[in-house]
């Protein structure tokens, strides 16, 4: 009977060893999968970080360009306003000359009517 108990113990230990071996293999497979997923995530993060740096640089360039264009627009608006004032001044001057010419034209008619 002692031999039977010994064989039974060996069988149980063999089964437990096989179960632990399968559990270890499964655990190793899961760990490798997790490691691969972490590596993929790290790669994606690095790619996104590079893209963000590129876009940030592009954004800075565009902001500078917008600032330059706003400055240019302000200068052009100032010039336009100055031109408008000069045009208004010239129109007023021409209107004044036209009024004087009309008065001069009317004076001889008034003198001839007397």
PDB file of N, CA and C in Angstrom:
ATOM      1  N   UNK A   1       0.818  -1.175   0.000  1.00  0.00           N
ATOM      2  CA  UNK A   1       0.000   0.000   0.000  1.00  0.00           C
ATOM      3  C   UNK A   1       0.878   1.261   0.000  1.00  0.00           C
ATOM      4  N   UNK A   2       1.976   1.068   0.607  1.00  0.00           N
ATOM      5  CA  UNK A   2       2.874   2.187   0.654  1.00  0.00           C
ATOM      6  C   UNK A   2       3.317   2.597  -0.754  1.00  0.00           C
ATOM      7  N   UNK A   3       3.522   1.631  -1.600  1.00  0.00           N
ATOM      8  CA  UNK A   3       3.904   1.888  -2.991  1.00  0.00           C
ATOM      9  C   UNK A   3       2.765   2.607  -3.704  1.00  0.00           C
ATOM     10  N   UNK A   4       1.528   2.222  -3.435  1.00  0.00           N
ATOM     11  CA  UNK A   4       0.346   2.858  -4.054  1.00  0.00           C
ATOM     12  C   UNK A   4       0.223   4.304  -3.611  1.00  0.00           C
ATOM     13  N   UNK A   5       0.465   4.564  -2.333  1.00  0.00           N
ATOM     14  CA  UNK A   5       0.382   5.931  -1.822  1.00  0.00           C
ATOM     15  C   UNK A   5       1.502   6.780  -2.430  1.00  0.00           C
ATOM     16  N   UNK A   6       2.645   6.142  -2.601  1.00  0.00           N
ATOM     17  CA  UNK A   6       3.764   6.861  -3.187  1.00  0.00           C
ATOM     18  C   UNK A   6       3.467   7.219  -4.637  1.00  0.00           C
ATOM     19  N   UNK A   7       2.923   6.287  -5.389  1.00  0.00           N
ATOM     20  CA  UNK A   7       2.562   6.527  -6.788  1.00  0.00           C
ATOM     21  C   UNK A   7       1.482   7.609  -6.885  1.00  0.00           C
ATOM     22  N   UNK A   8       0.538   7.533  -5.948  1.00  0.00           N
ATOM     23  CA  UNK A   8      -0.525   8.530  -5.911  1.00  0.00           C
ATOM     24  C   UNK A   8       0.053   9.922  -5.651  1.00  0.00           C
ATOM     25  N   UNK A   9       0.994  10.015  -4.733  1.00  0.00           N
ATOM     26  CA  UNK A   9       1.643  11.274  -4.413  1.00  0.00           C
ATOM     27  C   UNK A   9       2.434  11.796  -5.615  1.00  0.00           C
ATOM     28  N   UNK A  10       3.121  10.892  -6.291  1.00  0.00           N
ATOM     29  CA  UNK A  10       3.889  11.284  -7.477  1.00  0.00           C
ATOM     30  C   UNK A  10       2.936  11.802  -8.561  1.00  0.00           C
ATOM     31  N   UNK A  11       1.812  11.130  -8.724  1.00  0.00           N
ATOM     32  CA  UNK A  11       0.815  11.535  -9.722  1.00  0.00           C
ATOM     33  C   UNK A  11       0.261  12.919  -9.377  1.00  0.00           C
ATOM     34  N   UNK A  12      -0.080  13.122  -8.119  1.00  0.00           N
ATOM     35  CA  UNK A  12      -0.615  14.419  -7.683  1.00  0.00           C
ATOM     36  C   UNK A  12       0.430  15.511  -7.873  1.00  0.00           C
ATOM     37  N   UNK A  13       1.673  15.236  -7.474  1.00  0.00           N
ATOM     38  CA  UNK A  13       2.748  16.218  -7.646  1.00  0.00           C
ATOM     39  C   UNK A  13       3.017  16.492  -9.119  1.00  0.00           C
ATOM     40  N   UNK A  14       2.929  15.474  -9.945  1.00  0.00           N
ATOM     41  CA  UNK A  14       3.119  15.644 -11.390  1.00  0.00           C
ATOM     42  C   UNK A  14       2.024  16.530 -11.971  1.00  0.00           C
ATOM     43  N   UNK A  15       0.783  16.293 -11.541  1.00  0.00           N
ATOM     44  CA  UNK A  15      -0.342  17.107 -12.014  1.00  0.00           C
ATOM     45  C   UNK A  15      -0.185  18.564 -11.562  1.00  0.00           C
ATOM     46  N   UNK A  16       0.198  18.715 -10.279  1.00  0.00           N
ATOM     47  CA  UNK A  16       0.413  20.079  -9.781  1.00  0.00           C
ATOM     48  C   UNK A  16       1.546  20.774 -10.536  1.00  0.00           C
ATOM     49  N   UNK A  17       2.608  20.032 -10.828  1.00  0.00           N
ATOM     50  CA  UNK A  17       3.731  20.593 -11.579  1.00  0.00           C
ATOM     51  C   UNK A  17       3.261  21.016 -12.978  1.00  0.00           C
ATOM     52  N   UNK A  18       2.456  20.172 -13.630  1.00  0.00           N
ATOM     53  CA  UNK A  18       1.939  20.493 -14.967  1.00  0.00           C
ATOM     54  C   UNK A  18       1.041  21.734 -14.902  1.00  0.00           C
ATOM     55  N   UNK A  19       0.192  21.789 -13.873  1.00  0.00           N
ATOM     56  CA  UNK A  19      -0.693  22.948 -13.713  1.00  0.00           C
ATOM     57  C   UNK A  19       0.134  24.211 -13.500  1.00  0.00           C
ATOM     58  N   UNK A  20       1.144  24.146 -12.633  1.00  0.00           N
ATOM     59  CA  UNK A  20       1.998  25.307 -12.390  1.00  0.00           C
ATOM     60  C   UNK A  20       2.787  25.691 -13.639  1.00  0.00           C
ATOM     61  N   UNK A  21       3.213  24.687 -14.401  1.00  0.00           N
ATOM     62  CA  UNK A  21       3.936  24.949 -15.636  1.00  0.00           C
ATOM     63  C   UNK A  21       3.030  25.693 -16.627  1.00  0.00           C
ATOM     64  N   UNK A  22       1.782  25.228 -16.758  1.00  0.00           N
ATOM     65  CA  UNK A  22       0.828  25.909 -17.652  1.00  0.00           C
ATOM     66  C   UNK A  22       0.532  27.325 -17.164  1.00  0.00           C
ATOM     67  N   UNK A  23       0.367  27.475 -15.854  1.00  0.00           N
ATOM     68  CA  UNK A  23       0.104  28.802 -15.294  1.00  0.00           C
ATOM     69  C   UNK A  23       1.297  29.724 -15.538  1.00  0.00           C
ATOM     70  N   UNK A  24       2.500  29.208 -15.389  1.00  0.00           N
ATOM     71  CA  UNK A  24       3.707  30.003 -15.620  1.00  0.00           C
ATOM     72  C   UNK A  24       3.806  30.402 -17.086  1.00  0.00           C
ATOM     73  N   UNK A  25       3.545  29.457 -17.983  1.00  0.00           N
ATOM     74  CA  UNK A  25       3.606  29.753 -19.421  1.00  0.00           C
ATOM     75  C   UNK A  25       2.558  30.811 -19.779  1.00  0.00           C
ATOM     76  N   UNK A  26       1.344  30.669 -19.240  1.00  0.00           N
ATOM     77  CA  UNK A  26       0.279  31.646 -19.496  1.00  0.00           C
ATOM     78  C   UNK A  26       0.664  33.019 -18.956  1.00  0.00           C
ATOM     79  N   UNK A  27       1.238  33.044 -17.782  1.00  0.00           N
ATOM     80  CA  UNK A  27       1.665  34.300 -17.169  1.00  0.00           C
ATOM     81  C   UNK A  27       2.757  34.971 -18.008  1.00  0.00           C
ATOM     82  N   UNK A  28       3.700  34.174 -18.480  1.00  0.00           N
ATOM     83  CA  UNK A  28       4.769  34.712 -19.322  1.00  0.00           C
ATOM     84  C   UNK A  28       4.205  35.272 -20.629  1.00  0.00           C
ATOM     85  N   UNK A  29       3.244  34.572 -21.215  1.00  0.00           N
ATOM     86  CA  UNK A  29       2.610  35.029 -22.450  1.00  0.00           C
ATOM     87  C   UNK A  29       1.874  36.352 -22.209  1.00  0.00           C
ATOM     88  N   UNK A  30       1.149  36.438 -21.093  1.00  0.00           N
ATOM     89  CA  UNK A  30       0.445  37.682 -20.754  1.00  0.00           C
ATOM     90  C   UNK A  30       1.422  38.831 -20.504  1.00  0.00           C
ATOM     91  N   UNK A  31       2.531  38.525 -19.821  1.00  0.00           N
ATOM     92  CA  UNK A  31       3.539  39.556 -19.552  1.00  0.00           C
ATOM     93  C   UNK A  31       4.153  40.057 -20.862  1.00  0.00           C
ATOM     94  N   UNK A  32       4.427  39.141 -21.791  1.00  0.00           N
ATOM     95  CA  UNK A  32       4.987  39.537 -23.085  1.00  0.00           C
ATOM     96  C   UNK A  32       3.989  40.402 -23.853  1.00  0.00           C
ATOM     97  N   UNK A  33       2.719  40.040 -23.772  1.00  0.00           N
ATOM     98  CA  UNK A  33       1.669  40.816 -24.448  1.00  0.00           C
ATOM     99  C   UNK A  33       1.597  42.223 -23.851  1.00  0.00           C
ATOM    100  N   UNK A  34       1.628  42.301 -22.522  1.00  0.00           N
ATOM    101  CA  UNK A  34       1.591  43.603 -21.853  1.00  0.00           C
ATOM    102  C   UNK A  34       2.812  44.441 -22.228  1.00  0.00           C
ATOM    103  N   UNK A  35       3.975  43.793 -22.291  1.00  0.00           N
ATOM    104  CA  UNK A  35       5.184  44.504 -22.651  1.00  0.00           C
ATOM    105  C   UNK A  35       5.086  45.045 -24.074  1.00  0.00           C
ATOM    106  N   UNK A  36       4.539  44.249 -24.983  1.00  0.00           N
ATOM    107  CA  UNK A  36       4.361  44.690 -26.360  1.00  0.00           C
ATOM    108  C   UNK A  36       3.385  45.865 -26.429  1.00  0.00           C
ATOM    109  N   UNK A  37       2.286  45.775 -25.676  1.00  0.00           N
ATOM    110  CA  UNK A  37       1.306  46.865 -25.671  1.00  0.00           C
ATOM    111  C   UNK A  37       1.903  48.157 -25.109  1.00  0.00           C
ATOM    112  N   UNK A  38       2.707  48.033 -24.060  1.00  0.00           N
ATOM    113  CA  UNK A  38       3.362  49.210 -23.476  1.00  0.00           C
ATOM    114  C   UNK A  38       4.325  49.824 -24.493  1.00  0.00           C
ATOM    115  N   UNK A  39       5.054  48.972 -25.203  1.00  0.00           N
ATOM    116  CA  UNK A  39       5.967  49.461 -26.240  1.00  0.00           C
ATOM    117  C   UNK A  39       5.214  50.187 -27.350  1.00  0.00           C
ATOM    118  N   UNK A  40       4.087  49.635 -27.777  1.00  0.00           N
ATOM    119  CA  UNK A  40       3.277  50.280 -28.820  1.00  0.00           C
ATOM    120  C   UNK A  40       2.741  51.624 -28.330  1.00  0.00           C
ATOM    121  N   UNK A  41       2.273  51.649 -27.083  1.00  0.00           N
ATOM    122  CA  UNK A  41       1.752  52.897 -26.526  1.00  0.00           C
ATOM    123  C   UNK A  41       2.866  53.951 -26.435  1.00  0.00           C
ATOM    124  N   UNK A  42       4.042  53.531 -26.011  1.00  0.00           N
ATOM    125  CA  UNK A  42       5.179  54.448 -25.913  1.00  0.00           C
ATOM    126  C   UNK A  42       5.532  54.991 -27.290  1.00  0.00           C
ATOM    127  N   UNK A  43       5.511  54.135 -28.311  1.00  0.00           N
ATOM    128  CA  UNK A  43       5.807  54.562 -29.673  1.00  0.00           C
ATOM    129  C   UNK A  43       4.763  55.578 -30.156  1.00  0.00           C
ATOM    130  N   UNK A  44       3.490  55.296 -29.890  1.00  0.00           N
ATOM    131  CA  UNK A  44       2.429  56.229 -30.283  1.00  0.00           C
ATOM    132  C   UNK A  44       2.605  57.580 -29.583  1.00  0.00           C
ATOM    133  N   UNK A  45       2.928  57.526 -28.300  1.00  0.00           N
ATOM    134  CA  UNK A  45       3.134  58.776 -27.553  1.00  0.00           C
ATOM    135  C   UNK A  45       4.293  59.576 -28.135  1.00  0.00           C
ATOM    136  N   UNK A  46       5.364  58.905 -28.477  1.00  0.00           N
ATOM    137  CA  UNK A  46       6.515  59.587 -29.054  1.00  0.00           C
ATOM    138  C   UNK A  46       6.145  60.215 -30.401  1.00  0.00           C
ATOM    139  N   UNK A  47       5.403  59.473 -31.220  1.00  0.00           N
ATOM    140  CA  UNK A  47       4.980  60.000 -32.520  1.00  0.00           C
ATOM    141  C   UNK A  47       4.077  61.218 -32.335  1.00  0.00           C
ATOM    142  N   UNK A  48       3.146  61.122 -31.388  1.00  0.00           N
ATOM    143  CA  UNK A  48       2.246  62.244 -31.133  1.00  0.00           C
ATOM    144  C   UNK A  48       3.000  63.450 -30.572  1.00  0.00           C
ATOM    145  N   UNK A  49       3.997  63.181 -29.754  1.00  0.00           N
ATOM    146  CA  UNK A  49       4.805  64.263 -29.199  1.00  0.00           C
ATOM    147  C   UNK A  49       5.584  64.977 -30.307  1.00  0.00           C
ATOM    148  N   UNK A  50       6.153  64.193 -31.221  1.00  0.00           N
ATOM    149  CA  UNK A  50       6.863  64.789 -32.351  1.00  0.00           C
ATOM    150  C   UNK A  50       5.914  65.620 -33.205  1.00  0.00           C
ATOM    151  N   UNK A  51       4.738  65.074 -33.458  1.00  0.00           N
ATOM    152  CA  UNK A  51       3.740  65.805 -34.242  1.00  0.00           C
ATOM    153  C   UNK A  51       3.331  67.094 -33.527  1.00  0.00           C
ATOM    154  N   UNK A  52       3.163  67.009 -32.203  1.00  0.00           N
ATOM    155  CA  UNK A  52       2.796  68.187 -31.430  1.00  0.00           C
ATOM    156  C   UNK A  52       3.893  69.248 -31.507  1.00  0.00           C
ATOM    157  N   UNK A  53       5.156  68.839 -31.425  1.00  0.00           N
ATOM    158  CA  UNK A  53       6.264  69.785 -31.543  1.00  0.00           C
ATOM    159  C   UNK A  53       6.278  70.434 -32.923  1.00  0.00           C
ATOM    160  N   UNK A  54       6.049  69.625 -33.945  1.00  0.00           N
ATOM    161  CA  UNK A  54       6.001  70.151 -35.309  1.00  0.00           C
ATOM    162  C   UNK A  54       4.874  71.159 -35.448  1.00  0.00           C
ATOM    163  N   UNK A  55       3.694  70.793 -34.947  1.00  0.00           N
ATOM    164  CA  UNK A  55       2.545  71.686 -35.045  1.00  0.00           C
ATOM    165  C   UNK A  55       2.740  72.936 -34.192  1.00  0.00           C
ATOM    166  N   UNK A  56       3.384  72.782 -33.068  1.00  0.00           N
ATOM    167  CA  UNK A  56       3.659  73.939 -32.208  1.00  0.00           C
ATOM    168  C   UNK A  56       4.578  74.920 -32.922  1.00  0.00           C
ATOM    169  N   UNK A  57       5.608  74.400 -33.579  1.00  0.00           N
ATOM    170  CA  UNK A  57       6.506  75.251 -34.354  1.00  0.00           C
ATOM    171  C   UNK A  57       5.762  75.932 -35.490  1.00  0.00           C
ATOM    172  N   UNK A  58       4.921  75.183 -36.165  1.00  0.00           N
ATOM    173  CA  UNK A  58       4.128  75.748 -37.272  1.00  0.00           C
ATOM    174  C   UNK A  58       3.181  76.817 -36.734  1.00  0.00           C
ATOM    175  N   UNK A  59       2.611  76.551 -35.569  1.00  0.00           N
ATOM    176  CA  UNK A  59       1.696  77.515 -34.944  1.00  0.00           C
ATOM    177  C   UNK A  59       2.436  78.814 -34.637  1.00  0.00           C
ATOM    178  N   UNK A  60       3.644  78.707 -34.123  1.00  0.00           N
ATOM    179  CA  UNK A  60       4.447  79.905 -33.824  1.00  0.00           C
ATOM    180  C   UNK A  60       4.730  80.691 -35.098  1.00  0.00           C
ATOM    181  N   UNK A  61       5.082  79.979 -36.165  1.00  0.00           N
ATOM    182  CA  UNK A  61       5.340  80.640 -37.447  1.00  0.00           C
ATOM    183  C   UNK A  61       4.096  81.382 -37.921  1.00  0.00           C
ATOM    184  N   UNK A  62       2.947  80.717 -37.818  1.00  0.00           N
ATOM    185  CA  UNK A  62       1.700  81.330 -38.272  1.00  0.00           C
ATOM    186  C   UNK A  62       1.329  82.534 -37.414  1.00  0.00           C
ATOM    187  N   UNK A  63       1.578  82.441 -36.115  1.00  0.00           N
ATOM    188  CA  UNK A  63       1.293  83.577 -35.234  1.00  0.00           C
ATOM    189  C   UNK A  63       2.164  84.770 -35.599  1.00  0.00           C
ATOM    190  N   UNK A  64       3.433  84.515 -35.917  1.00  0.00           N
ATOM    191  CA  UNK A  64       4.319  85.605 -36.332  1.00  0.00           C
ATOM    192  C   UNK A  64       3.816  86.217 -37.640  1.00  0.00           C
ATOM    193  N   UNK A  65       3.409  85.361 -38.556  1.00  0.00           N
ATOM    194  CA  UNK A  65       2.915  85.852 -39.844  1.00  0.00           C
ATOM    195  C   UNK A  65       1.650  86.679 -39.647  1.00  0.00           C
ATOM    196  N   UNK A  66       0.751  86.212 -38.774  1.00  0.00           N
ATOM    197  CA  UNK A  66      -0.477  86.960 -38.481  1.00  0.00           C
ATOM    198  C   UNK A  66      -0.121  88.321 -37.885  1.00  0.00           C
ATOM    199  N   UNK A  67       0.836  88.330 -36.973  1.00  0.00           N
ATOM    200  CA  UNK A  67       1.262  89.588 -36.346  1.00  0.00           C
ATOM    201  C   UNK A  67       1.819  90.547 -37.394  1.00  0.00           C
ATOM    202  N   UNK A  68       2.637  90.029 -38.299  1.00  0.00           N
ATOM    203  CA  UNK A  68       3.191  90.865 -39.359  1.00  0.00           C
ATOM    204  C   UNK A  68       2.083  91.412 -40.260  1.00  0.00           C
ATOM    205  N   UNK A  69       1.145  90.540 -40.605  1.00  0.00           N
ATOM    206  CA  UNK A  69       0.047  90.966 -41.484  1.00  0.00           C
ATOM    207  C   UNK A  69      -0.854  91.982 -40.791  1.00  0.00           C
ATOM    208  N   UNK A  70      -1.056  91.812 -39.489  1.00  0.00           N
ATOM    209  CA  UNK A  70      -1.862  92.790 -38.745  1.00  0.00           C
ATOM    210  C   UNK A  70      -1.158  94.145 -38.730  1.00  0.00           C
ATOM    211  N   UNK A  71       0.157  94.137 -38.541  1.00  0.00           N
ATOM    212  CA  UNK A  71       0.925  95.377 -38.582  1.00  0.00           C
ATOM    213  C   UNK A  71       0.826  96.038 -39.951  1.00  0.00           C
ATOM    214  N   UNK A  72       0.953  95.224 -40.989  1.00  0.00           N
ATOM    215  CA  UNK A  72       0.850  95.744 -42.354  1.00  0.00           C
ATOM    216  C   UNK A  72      -0.544  96.312 -42.601  1.00  0.00           C
ATOM    217  N   UNK A  73      -1.569  95.611 -42.117  1.00  0.00           N
ATOM    218  CA  UNK A  73      -2.948  96.082 -42.272  1.00  0.00           C
ATOM    219  C   UNK A  73      -3.149  97.406 -41.537  1.00  0.00           C
ATOM    220  N   UNK A  74      -2.613  97.510 -40.338  1.00  0.00           N
ATOM    221  CA  UNK A  74      -2.730  98.765 -39.577  1.00  0.00           C
ATOM    222  C   UNK A  74      -2.063  99.918 -40.321  1.00  0.00           C
ATOM    223  N   UNK A  75      -0.878  99.661 -40.886  1.00  0.00           N
ATOM    224  CA  UNK A  75      -0.190 100.705 -41.647  1.00  0.00           C
ATOM    225  C   UNK A  75      -1.010 101.099 -42.878  1.00  0.00           C
ATOM    226  N   UNK A  76      -1.581 100.104 -43.547  1.00  0.00           N
ATOM    227  CA  UNK A  76      -2.380 100.396 -44.737  1.00  0.00           C
ATOM    228  C   UNK A  76      -3.659 101.155 -44.361  1.00  0.00           C
ATOM    229  N   UNK A  77      -4.253 100.813 -43.224  1.00  0.00           N
ATOM    230  CA  UNK A  77      -5.436 101.538 -42.772  1.00  0.00           C
ATOM    231  C   UNK A  77      -5.090 102.992 -42.466  1.00  0.00           C
ATOM    232  N   UNK A  78      -3.925 103.211 -41.855  1.00  0.00           N
ATOM    233  CA  UNK A  78      -3.479 104.569 -41.548  1.00  0.00           C
ATOM    234  C   UNK A  78      -3.281 105.354 -42.845  1.00  0.00           C
ATOM    235  N   UNK A  79      -2.631 104.742 -43.816  1.00  0.00           N
ATOM    236  CA  UNK A  79      -2.416 105.395 -45.105  1.00  0.00           C
ATOM    237  C   UNK A  79      -3.751 105.688 -45.772  1.00  0.00           C
ATOM    238  N   UNK A  80      -4.653 104.736 -45.704  1.00  0.00           N
ATOM    239  CA  UNK A  80      -5.980 104.913 -46.309  1.00  0.00           C
ATOM    240  C   UNK A  80      -6.726 106.075 -45.650  1.00  0.00           C
ATOM    241  N   UNK A  81      -6.655 106.148 -44.330  1.00  0.00           N
ATOM    242  CA  UNK A  81      -7.313 107.245 -43.620  1.00  0.00           C
ATOM    243  C   UNK A  81      -6.692 108.588 -43.992  1.00  0.00           C
ATOM    244  N   UNK A  82      -5.360 108.626 -44.097  1.00  0.00           N
ATOM    245  CA  UNK A  82      -4.683 109.854 -44.499  1.00  0.00           C
ATOM    246  C   UNK A  82      -5.094 110.250 -45.918  1.00  0.00           C
ATOM    247  N   UNK A  83      -5.166 109.261 -46.796  1.00  0.00           N
ATOM    248  CA  UNK A  83      -5.596 109.536 -48.173  1.00  0.00           C
ATOM    249  C   UNK A  83      -7.036 110.042 -48.204  1.00  0.00           C
ATOM    250  N   UNK A  84      -7.884 109.447 -47.363  1.00  0.00           N
ATOM    251  CA  UNK A  84      -9.282 109.877 -47.307  1.00  0.00           C
ATOM    252  C   UNK A  84      -9.378 111.330 -46.822  1.00  0.00           C
ATOM    253  N   UNK A  85      -8.599 111.670 -45.796  1.00  0.00           N
ATOM    254  CA  UNK A  85      -8.595 113.060 -45.304  1.00  0.00           C
ATOM    255  C   UNK A  85      -8.109 114.019 -46.395  1.00  0.00           C
ATOM    256  N   UNK A  86      -7.045 113.623 -47.097  1.00  0.00           N
ATOM    257  CA  UNK A  86      -6.517 114.463 -48.172  1.00  0.00           C
ATOM    258  C   UNK A  86      -7.544 114.601 -49.295  1.00  0.00           C
ATOM    259  N   UNK A  87      -8.203 113.526 -49.617  1.00  0.00           N
ATOM    260  CA  UNK A  87      -9.243 113.555 -50.647  1.00  0.00           C
ATOM    261  C   UNK A  87     -10.390 114.469 -50.221  1.00  0.00           C
ATOM    262  N   UNK A  88     -10.816 114.348 -48.960  1.00  0.00           N
ATOM    263  CA  UNK A  88     -11.881 115.219 -48.452  1.00  0.00           C
ATOM    264  C   UNK A  88     -11.447 116.690 -48.498  1.00  0.00           C
ATOM    265  N   UNK A  89     -10.186 116.961 -48.161  1.00  0.00           N
ATOM    266  CA  UNK A  89      -9.673 118.318 -48.202  1.00  0.00           C
ATOM    267  C   UNK A  89      -9.685 118.852 -49.637  1.00  0.00           C
ATOM    268  N   UNK A  90      -9.264 118.024 -50.567  1.00  0.00           N
ATOM    269  CA  UNK A  90      -9.244 118.440 -51.972  1.00  0.00           C
ATOM    270  C   UNK A  90     -10.661 118.653 -52.508  1.00  0.00           C
ATOM    271  N   UNK A  91     -11.584 117.786 -52.106  1.00  0.00           N
ATOM    272  CA  UNK A  91     -12.982 117.942 -52.533  1.00  0.00           C
ATOM    273  C   UNK A  91     -13.533 119.264 -51.993  1.00  0.00           C
ATOM    274  N   UNK A  92     -13.234 119.548 -50.725  1.00  0.00           N
ATOM    275  CA  UNK A  92     -13.708 120.799 -50.129  1.00  0.00           C
ATOM    276  C   UNK A  92     -13.085 121.993 -50.857  1.00  0.00           C
ATOM    277  N   UNK A  93     -11.818 121.875 -51.180  1.00  0.00           N
ATOM    278  CA  UNK A  93     -11.133 122.962 -51.886  1.00  0.00           C
ATOM    279  C   UNK A  93     -11.740 123.153 -53.280  1.00  0.00           C
ATOM    280  N   UNK A  94     -11.995 122.055 -53.972  1.00  0.00           N
ATOM    281  CA  UNK A  94     -12.598 122.151 -55.301  1.00  0.00           C
ATOM    282  C   UNK A  94     -14.011 122.710 -55.219  1.00  0.00           C
ATOM    283  N   UNK A  95     -14.748 122.310 -54.182  1.00  0.00           N
ATOM    284  CA  UNK A  95     -16.102 122.825 -53.996  1.00  0.00           C
ATOM    285  C   UNK A  95     -16.061 124.332 -53.760  1.00  0.00           C
ATOM    286  N   UNK A  96     -15.066 124.758 -52.975  1.00  0.00           N
ATOM    287  CA  UNK A  96     -14.914 126.183 -52.699  1.00  0.00           C
ATOM    288  C   UNK A  96     -14.576 126.939 -53.988  1.00  0.00           C
ATOM    289  N   UNK A  97     -13.678 126.385 -54.796  1.00  0.00           N
ATOM    290  CA  UNK A  97     -13.332 127.015 -56.068  1.00  0.00           C
ATOM    291  C   UNK A  97     -14.537 127.067 -57.003  1.00  0.00           C
ATOM    292  N   UNK A  98     -15.327 125.984 -56.982  1.00  0.00           N
ATOM    293  CA  UNK A  98     -16.535 125.936 -57.817  1.00  0.00           C
ATOM    294  C   UNK A  98     -17.522 127.009 -57.368  1.00  0.00           C
ATOM    295  N   UNK A  99     -17.674 127.182 -56.075  1.00  0.00           N
ATOM    296  CA  UNK A  99     -18.579 128.215 -55.553  1.00  0.00           C
ATOM    297  C   UNK A  99     -18.089 129.606 -55.953  1.00  0.00           C
ATOM    298  N   UNK A 100     -16.773 129.834 -55.833  1.00  0.00           N
ATOM    299  CA  UNK A 100     -16.211 131.128 -56.236  1.00  0.00           C
ATOM    300  C   UNK A 100     -16.431 131.377 -57.726  1.00  0.00           C
ATOM    301  N   UNK A 101     -16.222 130.329 -58.528  1.00  0.00           N
ATOM    302  CA  UNK A 101     -16.423 130.484 -59.972  1.00  0.00           C
ATOM    303  C   UNK A 101     -17.881 130.782 -60.269  1.00  0.00           C
ATOM    304  N   UNK A 102     -18.775 130.152 -59.530  1.00  0.00           N
ATOM    305  CA  UNK A 102     -20.205 130.397 -59.751  1.00  0.00           C
ATOM    306  C   UNK A 102     -20.545 131.826 -59.361  1.00  0.00           C
ATOM    307  N   UNK A 103     -19.975 132.332 -58.273  1.00  0.00           N
ATOM    308  CA  UNK A 103     -20.223 133.713 -57.843  1.00  0.00           C
ATOM    309  C   UNK A 103     -19.683 134.691 -58.871  1.00  0.00           C
ATOM    310  N   UNK A 104     -18.486 134.407 -59.382  1.00  0.00           N
ATOM    311  CA  UNK A 104     -17.902 135.279 -60.389  1.00  0.00           C
ATOM    312  C   UNK A 104     -18.746 135.304 -61.657  1.00  0.00           C
ATOM    313  N   UNK A 105     -19.314 134.187 -61.982  1.00  0.00           N
ATOM    314  CA  UNK A 105     -20.175 134.079 -63.158  1.00  0.00           C
ATOM    315  C   UNK A 105     -21.443 134.872 -62.937  1.00  0.00           C
ATOM    316  N   UNK A 106     -21.957 134.844 -61.726  1.00  0.00           N
ATOM    317  CA  UNK A 106     -23.211 135.557 -61.414  1.00  0.00           C
ATOM    318  C   UNK A 106     -22.977 137.059 -61.361  1.00  0.00           C
ATOM    319  N   UNK A 107     -21.824 137.524 -60.924  1.00  0.00           N
ATOM    320  CA  UNK A 107     -21.551 138.960 -60.794  1.00  0.00           C
ATOM    321  C   UNK A 107     -21.684 139.706 -62.120  1.00  0.00           C
ATOM    322  N   UNK A 108     -21.124 139.233 -63.211  1.00  0.00           N
ATOM    323  CA  UNK A 108     -21.288 139.985 -64.452  1.00  0.00           C
ATOM    324  C   UNK A 108     -22.746 140.016 -64.890  1.00  0.00           C
ATOM    325  N   UNK A 109     -23.480 138.935 -64.618  1.00  0.00           N
ATOM    326  CA  UNK A 109     -24.896 138.910 -64.993  1.00  0.00           C
ATOM    327  C   UNK A 109     -25.664 139.930 -64.185  1.00  0.00           C
ATOM    328  N   UNK A 110     -25.328 140.072 -62.917  1.00  0.00           N
ATOM    329  CA  UNK A 110     -26.004 141.034 -62.067  1.00  0.00           C
ATOM    330  C   UNK A 110     -25.658 142.449 -62.505  1.00  0.00           C
ATOM    331  N   UNK A 111     -24.415 142.645 -62.876  1.00  0.00           N
ATOM    332  CA  UNK A 111     -23.995 143.971 -63.332  1.00  0.00           C
ATOM    333  C   UNK A 111     -24.659 144.328 -64.650  1.00  0.00           C
ATOM    334  N   UNK A 112     -24.879 143.400 -65.515  1.00  0.00           N
ATOM    335  CA  UNK A 112     -25.518 143.661 -66.802  1.00  0.00           C
ATOM    336  C   UNK A 112     -26.992 143.867 -66.669  1.00  0.00           C
ATOM    337  N   UNK A 113     -27.586 143.343 -65.642  1.00  0.00           N
ATOM    338  CA  UNK A 113     -29.024 143.452 -65.433  1.00  0.00           C
ATOM    339  C   UNK A 113     -29.375 144.816 -64.895  1.00  0.00           C
ATOM    340  N   UNK A 114     -28.441 145.556 -64.351  1.00  0.00           N
ATOM    341  CA  UNK A 114     -28.737 146.863 -63.761  1.00  0.00           C
ATOM    342  C   UNK A 114     -28.801 147.861 -64.776  1.00  0.00           C
TER     343      UNK A 114
END
